[in-house]
Amino acid sequence: QVQLVESGGGLVQAGGSLRLSCVASGTIWSINAMGWYRQTPGNQRELVATVTKRGSTNYVDSVKGRFTISRDLAKNMVYLQMNSLKPEDTAVYYCNAENWIRENYWGQGTQVTVSS
């Protein structure tokens, strides 16, 4: 089992920045990819960005050039630096970890609100 705890959400004006953090515990040796997803009311959870253990990253098109995902293997942490935030980035952001047999684990979520 993997436990994930997010932090760093909040309220920010459009154009501002936030950094989300997520720390993993438990069977962390089994984790391959970690990432961030987001969800708004009435919508499905969508991928924002992922990073593999080897450092390969993937982003949804809407955040490319604005968000940066990074991972600190020594600290068992993953970060999401969000710059040039837009009101449409408002959502609950969830940390995700996927192990080598494609089991997924989720954090409790952290609210990001971008005011116009």
N, C-alpha and C. Protein backbone atom coordinates (compact mmCIF):
# COMPACT_ATOMS: atom_id res chain seq x y z
N GLN A 1 0.83 -1.19 0.00
CA GLN A 1 0.00 0.00 0.00
C GLN A 1 0.87 1.25 0.00
N VAL A 2 0.36 2.25 -0.67
CA VAL A 2 1.04 3.55 -0.75
C VAL A 2 0.09 4.60 -0.22
N GLN A 3 0.60 5.47 0.63
CA GLN A 3 -0.18 6.59 1.14
C GLN A 3 0.40 7.87 0.55
N LEU A 4 -0.51 8.77 0.17
CA LEU A 4 -0.11 10.03 -0.45
C LEU A 4 -0.77 11.19 0.29
N VAL A 5 0.01 12.22 0.57
CA VAL A 5 -0.53 13.40 1.25
C VAL A 5 -0.10 14.63 0.47
N GLU A 6 -1.11 15.40 0.02
CA GLU A 6 -0.84 16.61 -0.75
C GLU A 6 -0.84 17.83 0.16
N SER A 7 -0.19 18.88 -0.32
CA SER A 7 -0.25 20.18 0.32
C SER A 7 0.04 21.25 -0.72
N GLY A 8 -0.29 22.49 -0.38
CA GLY A 8 0.08 23.60 -1.24
C GLY A 8 -1.04 24.25 -2.02
N GLY A 9 -2.25 23.74 -1.93
CA GLY A 9 -3.35 24.38 -2.64
C GLY A 9 -3.72 25.71 -1.99
N GLY A 10 -4.65 26.41 -2.61
CA GLY A 10 -5.10 27.67 -2.05
C GLY A 10 -5.77 28.55 -3.08
N LEU A 11 -5.92 29.82 -2.72
CA LEU A 11 -6.56 30.81 -3.58
C LEU A 11 -5.50 31.74 -4.14
N VAL A 12 -5.55 31.96 -5.43
CA VAL A 12 -4.57 32.83 -6.09
C VAL A 12 -5.26 33.59 -7.21
N GLN A 13 -4.75 34.75 -7.51
CA GLN A 13 -5.31 35.53 -8.61
C GLN A 13 -4.78 34.99 -9.94
N ALA A 14 -5.54 35.23 -10.98
CA ALA A 14 -5.11 34.84 -12.32
C ALA A 14 -3.74 35.45 -12.63
N GLY A 15 -2.89 34.63 -13.21
CA GLY A 15 -1.53 35.05 -13.49
C GLY A 15 -0.54 34.70 -12.40
N GLY A 16 -1.05 34.29 -11.26
CA GLY A 16 -0.19 33.95 -10.14
C GLY A 16 0.34 32.53 -10.21
N SER A 17 1.03 32.14 -9.15
CA SER A 17 1.68 30.84 -9.09
C SER A 17 1.36 30.12 -7.79
N LEU A 18 1.39 28.81 -7.85
CA LEU A 18 1.28 27.94 -6.69
C LEU A 18 2.17 26.74 -6.91
N ARG A 19 2.63 26.15 -5.83
CA ARG A 19 3.36 24.88 -5.92
C ARG A 19 2.68 23.85 -5.05
N LEU A 20 2.29 22.76 -5.67
CA LEU A 20 1.72 21.64 -4.95
C LEU A 20 2.82 20.64 -4.61
N SER A 21 2.69 20.03 -3.44
CA SER A 21 3.63 19.01 -3.01
C SER A 21 2.87 17.76 -2.60
N CYS A 22 3.51 16.63 -2.77
CA CYS A 22 2.90 15.36 -2.39
C CYS A 22 4.01 14.45 -1.87
N VAL A 23 3.79 13.91 -0.68
CA VAL A 23 4.76 12.98 -0.10
C VAL A 23 4.15 11.59 -0.07
N ALA A 24 4.95 10.63 -0.45
CA ALA A 24 4.51 9.24 -0.48
C ALA A 24 5.13 8.46 0.67
N SER A 25 4.37 7.52 1.19
CA SER A 25 4.88 6.62 2.22
C SER A 25 4.32 5.23 1.97
N GLY A 26 4.82 4.26 2.70
CA GLY A 26 4.37 2.89 2.51
C GLY A 26 5.32 2.13 1.61
N THR A 27 4.77 1.37 0.68
CA THR A 27 5.59 0.55 -0.22
C THR A 27 6.08 1.38 -1.39
N ILE A 28 6.87 2.38 -1.06
CA ILE A 28 7.31 3.34 -2.08
C ILE A 28 8.24 2.71 -3.10
N TRP A 29 8.85 1.59 -2.75
CA TRP A 29 9.77 0.93 -3.69
C TRP A 29 9.02 0.43 -4.92
N SER A 30 7.70 0.26 -4.76
CA SER A 30 6.89 -0.28 -5.85
C SER A 30 6.40 0.77 -6.83
N ILE A 31 6.63 2.03 -6.50
CA ILE A 31 6.08 3.11 -7.33
C ILE A 31 6.90 3.28 -8.60
N ASN A 32 6.22 3.38 -9.73
CA ASN A 32 6.88 3.77 -10.97
C ASN A 32 6.57 5.23 -11.24
N ALA A 33 5.39 5.50 -11.71
CA ALA A 33 5.04 6.87 -12.07
C ALA A 33 4.27 7.57 -10.95
N MET A 34 4.48 8.85 -10.87
CA MET A 34 3.67 9.69 -9.98
C MET A 34 3.14 10.85 -10.81
N GLY A 35 2.04 11.41 -10.34
CA GLY A 35 1.48 12.48 -11.14
C GLY A 35 0.43 13.26 -10.42
N TRP A 36 -0.13 14.20 -11.14
CA TRP A 36 -1.20 15.05 -10.63
C TRP A 36 -2.38 14.99 -11.59
N TYR A 37 -3.56 14.87 -11.01
CA TYR A 37 -4.82 14.91 -11.72
C TYR A 37 -5.66 16.01 -11.10
N ARG A 38 -6.69 16.42 -11.81
CA ARG A 38 -7.60 17.42 -11.25
C ARG A 38 -9.03 17.10 -11.63
N GLN A 39 -9.94 17.62 -10.82
CA GLN A 39 -11.36 17.33 -11.02
C GLN A 39 -12.19 18.53 -10.61
N THR A 40 -13.16 18.85 -11.45
CA THR A 40 -14.14 19.89 -11.13
C THR A 40 -15.50 19.22 -10.97
N PRO A 41 -16.42 19.87 -10.26
CA PRO A 41 -17.73 19.26 -10.02
C PRO A 41 -18.43 18.84 -11.31
N GLY A 42 -18.91 17.63 -11.33
CA GLY A 42 -19.64 17.12 -12.48
C GLY A 42 -18.78 16.62 -13.62
N ASN A 43 -17.49 16.67 -13.43
CA ASN A 43 -16.58 16.23 -14.50
C ASN A 43 -15.69 15.09 -14.03
N GLN A 44 -15.15 14.38 -14.99
CA GLN A 44 -14.23 13.30 -14.66
C GLN A 44 -12.88 13.86 -14.26
N ARG A 45 -12.18 13.06 -13.48
CA ARG A 45 -10.83 13.43 -13.10
C ARG A 45 -9.95 13.37 -14.35
N GLU A 46 -9.15 14.43 -14.56
CA GLU A 46 -8.30 14.45 -15.74
C GLU A 46 -6.83 14.54 -15.36
N LEU A 47 -6.02 13.93 -16.21
CA LEU A 47 -4.59 13.97 -16.01
C LEU A 47 -4.07 15.38 -16.23
N VAL A 48 -3.19 15.83 -15.35
CA VAL A 48 -2.53 17.12 -15.53
C VAL A 48 -1.09 16.88 -15.96
N ALA A 49 -0.36 16.08 -15.18
CA ALA A 49 1.04 15.82 -15.50
C ALA A 49 1.48 14.56 -14.77
N THR A 50 2.42 13.83 -15.41
CA THR A 50 3.00 12.66 -14.77
C THR A 50 4.51 12.67 -14.96
N VAL A 51 5.19 11.95 -14.07
CA VAL A 51 6.63 11.78 -14.18
C VAL A 51 6.97 10.36 -13.76
N THR A 52 7.76 9.69 -14.57
CA THR A 52 8.15 8.32 -14.23
C THR A 52 9.39 8.33 -13.34
N LYS A 53 9.74 7.15 -12.87
CA LYS A 53 10.92 7.02 -12.02
C LYS A 53 12.18 7.42 -12.78
N ARG A 54 12.15 7.25 -14.09
CA ARG A 54 13.31 7.62 -14.91
C ARG A 54 13.31 9.09 -15.27
N GLY A 55 12.22 9.80 -14.92
CA GLY A 55 12.20 11.23 -15.17
C GLY A 55 11.44 11.66 -16.41
N SER A 56 10.83 10.72 -17.10
CA SER A 56 10.03 11.09 -18.27
C SER A 56 8.74 11.77 -17.82
N THR A 57 8.43 12.87 -18.47
CA THR A 57 7.25 13.65 -18.09
C THR A 57 6.22 13.68 -19.20
N ASN A 58 5.00 13.94 -18.79
CA ASN A 58 3.88 14.05 -19.72
C ASN A 58 2.92 15.09 -19.17
N TYR A 59 2.39 15.95 -20.05
CA TYR A 59 1.49 17.01 -19.63
C TYR A 59 0.25 17.04 -20.52
N VAL A 60 -0.86 17.43 -19.93
CA VAL A 60 -2.03 17.73 -20.75
C VAL A 60 -1.74 19.02 -21.51
N ASP A 61 -2.26 19.12 -22.71
CA ASP A 61 -1.91 20.26 -23.57
C ASP A 61 -2.21 21.61 -22.91
N SER A 62 -3.27 21.68 -22.14
CA SER A 62 -3.71 22.96 -21.59
C SER A 62 -2.75 23.55 -20.56
N VAL A 63 -1.81 22.75 -20.06
CA VAL A 63 -0.89 23.26 -19.04
C VAL A 63 0.55 23.32 -19.53
N LYS A 64 0.80 22.85 -20.73
CA LYS A 64 2.17 22.86 -21.26
C LYS A 64 2.70 24.28 -21.32
N GLY A 65 3.92 24.43 -20.84
CA GLY A 65 4.55 25.75 -20.81
C GLY A 65 4.22 26.56 -19.57
N ARG A 66 3.25 26.10 -18.78
CA ARG A 66 2.87 26.82 -17.56
C ARG A 66 3.15 26.00 -16.30
N PHE A 67 2.96 24.70 -16.38
CA PHE A 67 3.14 23.82 -15.22
C PHE A 67 4.40 22.98 -15.41
N THR A 68 5.05 22.69 -14.30
CA THR A 68 6.22 21.81 -14.32
C THR A 68 6.11 20.79 -13.21
N ILE A 69 6.21 19.53 -13.58
CA ILE A 69 6.19 18.46 -12.59
C ILE A 69 7.63 18.03 -12.33
N SER A 70 7.91 17.74 -11.06
CA SER A 70 9.24 17.26 -10.71
C SER A 70 9.11 16.25 -9.57
N ARG A 71 10.15 15.48 -9.41
CA ARG A 71 10.09 14.39 -8.44
C ARG A 71 11.43 14.31 -7.72
N ASP A 72 11.37 14.13 -6.41
CA ASP A 72 12.56 13.94 -5.59
C ASP A 72 12.49 12.53 -5.02
N LEU A 73 13.22 11.62 -5.64
CA LEU A 73 13.15 10.23 -5.23
C LEU A 73 13.68 10.03 -3.81
N ALA A 74 14.67 10.80 -3.43
CA ALA A 74 15.25 10.65 -2.09
C ALA A 74 14.25 11.03 -1.00
N LYS A 75 13.39 12.01 -1.30
CA LYS A 75 12.41 12.47 -0.32
C LYS A 75 11.04 11.86 -0.54
N ASN A 76 10.91 11.02 -1.57
CA ASN A 76 9.62 10.39 -1.89
C ASN A 76 8.55 11.44 -2.15
N MET A 77 8.93 12.49 -2.88
CA MET A 77 8.01 13.57 -3.11
C MET A 77 7.87 13.87 -4.60
N VAL A 78 6.72 14.42 -4.95
CA VAL A 78 6.47 14.93 -6.28
C VAL A 78 5.86 16.33 -6.13
N TYR A 79 6.24 17.20 -7.04
CA TYR A 79 5.81 18.58 -6.98
C TYR A 79 5.14 18.98 -8.29
N LEU A 80 4.28 19.97 -8.21
CA LEU A 80 3.71 20.57 -9.40
C LEU A 80 3.82 22.08 -9.25
N GLN A 81 4.72 22.67 -10.00
CA GLN A 81 4.85 24.12 -10.03
C GLN A 81 3.88 24.67 -11.07
N MET A 82 2.97 25.50 -10.64
CA MET A 82 1.94 26.03 -11.53
C MET A 82 2.13 27.54 -11.66
N ASN A 83 2.45 27.99 -12.86
CA ASN A 83 2.64 29.40 -13.14
C ASN A 83 1.57 29.88 -14.12
N SER A 84 1.42 31.18 -14.20
CA SER A 84 0.45 31.78 -15.12
C SER A 84 -0.92 31.12 -14.97
N LEU A 85 -1.36 30.99 -13.76
CA LEU A 85 -2.62 30.29 -13.49
C LEU A 85 -3.80 31.03 -14.10
N LYS A 86 -4.78 30.25 -14.55
CA LYS A 86 -5.99 30.76 -15.16
C LYS A 86 -7.19 30.31 -14.35
N PRO A 87 -8.29 31.03 -14.43
CA PRO A 87 -9.50 30.58 -13.71
C PRO A 87 -9.91 29.15 -14.07
N GLU A 88 -9.67 28.74 -15.29
CA GLU A 88 -10.04 27.38 -15.69
C GLU A 88 -9.14 26.30 -15.08
N ASP A 89 -8.09 26.71 -14.38
CA ASP A 89 -7.27 25.75 -13.64
C ASP A 89 -7.89 25.42 -12.27
N THR A 90 -8.93 26.14 -11.91
CA THR A 90 -9.59 25.89 -10.64
C THR A 90 -10.13 24.47 -10.59
N ALA A 91 -9.76 23.73 -9.55
CA ALA A 91 -10.16 22.33 -9.43
C ALA A 91 -9.60 21.78 -8.11
N VAL A 92 -10.03 20.58 -7.79
CA VAL A 92 -9.36 19.81 -6.74
C VAL A 92 -8.26 19.02 -7.42
N TYR A 93 -7.06 19.16 -6.92
CA TYR A 93 -5.90 18.48 -7.50
C TYR A 93 -5.54 17.27 -6.63
N TYR A 94 -5.36 16.15 -7.29
CA TYR A 94 -5.06 14.89 -6.61
C TYR A 94 -3.69 14.37 -7.01
N CYS A 95 -2.94 13.95 -6.02
CA CYS A 95 -1.68 13.27 -6.26
C CYS A 95 -1.96 11.80 -6.57
N ASN A 96 -1.21 11.26 -7.49
CA ASN A 96 -1.41 9.88 -7.90
C ASN A 96 -0.06 9.16 -7.94
N ALA A 97 -0.09 7.90 -7.57
CA ALA A 97 1.08 7.03 -7.73
C ALA A 97 0.62 5.73 -8.37
N GLU A 98 1.40 5.26 -9.31
CA GLU A 98 1.10 4.01 -10.00
C GLU A 98 2.29 3.08 -9.83
N ASN A 99 2.01 1.83 -9.43
CA ASN A 99 3.11 0.89 -9.26
C ASN A 99 3.35 0.10 -10.54
N TRP A 100 4.26 -0.84 -10.45
CA TRP A 100 4.70 -1.55 -11.65
C TRP A 100 3.65 -2.50 -12.21
N ILE A 101 2.62 -2.80 -11.41
CA ILE A 101 1.53 -3.64 -11.93
C ILE A 101 0.27 -2.81 -12.14
N ARG A 102 0.49 -1.50 -12.32
CA ARG A 102 -0.56 -0.56 -12.70
C ARG A 102 -1.65 -0.38 -11.65
N GLU A 103 -1.35 -0.65 -10.39
CA GLU A 103 -2.27 -0.28 -9.32
C GLU A 103 -2.10 1.21 -9.03
N ASN A 104 -3.19 1.89 -8.80
CA ASN A 104 -3.17 3.33 -8.59
C ASN A 104 -3.57 3.68 -7.16
N TYR A 105 -2.88 4.67 -6.64
CA TYR A 105 -3.16 5.19 -5.31
C TYR A 105 -3.39 6.70 -5.42
N TRP A 106 -4.24 7.21 -4.52
CA TRP A 106 -4.63 8.61 -4.60
C TRP A 106 -4.49 9.31 -3.25
N GLY A 107 -4.14 10.59 -3.31
CA GLY A 107 -4.20 11.42 -2.13
C GLY A 107 -5.62 11.90 -1.89
N GLN A 108 -5.77 12.71 -0.85
CA GLN A 108 -7.11 13.17 -0.47
C GLN A 108 -7.56 14.37 -1.29
N GLY A 109 -6.64 15.00 -2.00
CA GLY A 109 -6.99 16.15 -2.84
C GLY A 109 -6.72 17.47 -2.14
N THR A 110 -6.37 18.46 -2.94
CA THR A 110 -6.17 19.81 -2.42
C THR A 110 -6.80 20.81 -3.39
N GLN A 111 -7.54 21.76 -2.83
CA GLN A 111 -8.29 22.70 -3.65
C GLN A 111 -7.38 23.81 -4.18
N VAL A 112 -7.47 24.06 -5.46
CA VAL A 112 -6.81 25.20 -6.09
C VAL A 112 -7.90 26.08 -6.69
N THR A 113 -7.94 27.33 -6.28
CA THR A 113 -8.93 28.27 -6.79
C THR A 113 -8.20 29.47 -7.38
N VAL A 114 -8.49 29.76 -8.64
CA VAL A 114 -7.87 30.89 -9.33
C VAL A 114 -8.96 31.91 -9.62
N SER A 115 -8.82 33.09 -9.05
CA SER A 115 -9.82 34.14 -9.24
C SER A 115 -9.44 35.01 -10.45
N SER A 116 -10.48 35.51 -11.10
CA SER A 116 -10.24 36.33 -12.30
C SER A 116 -10.12 37.80 -11.95
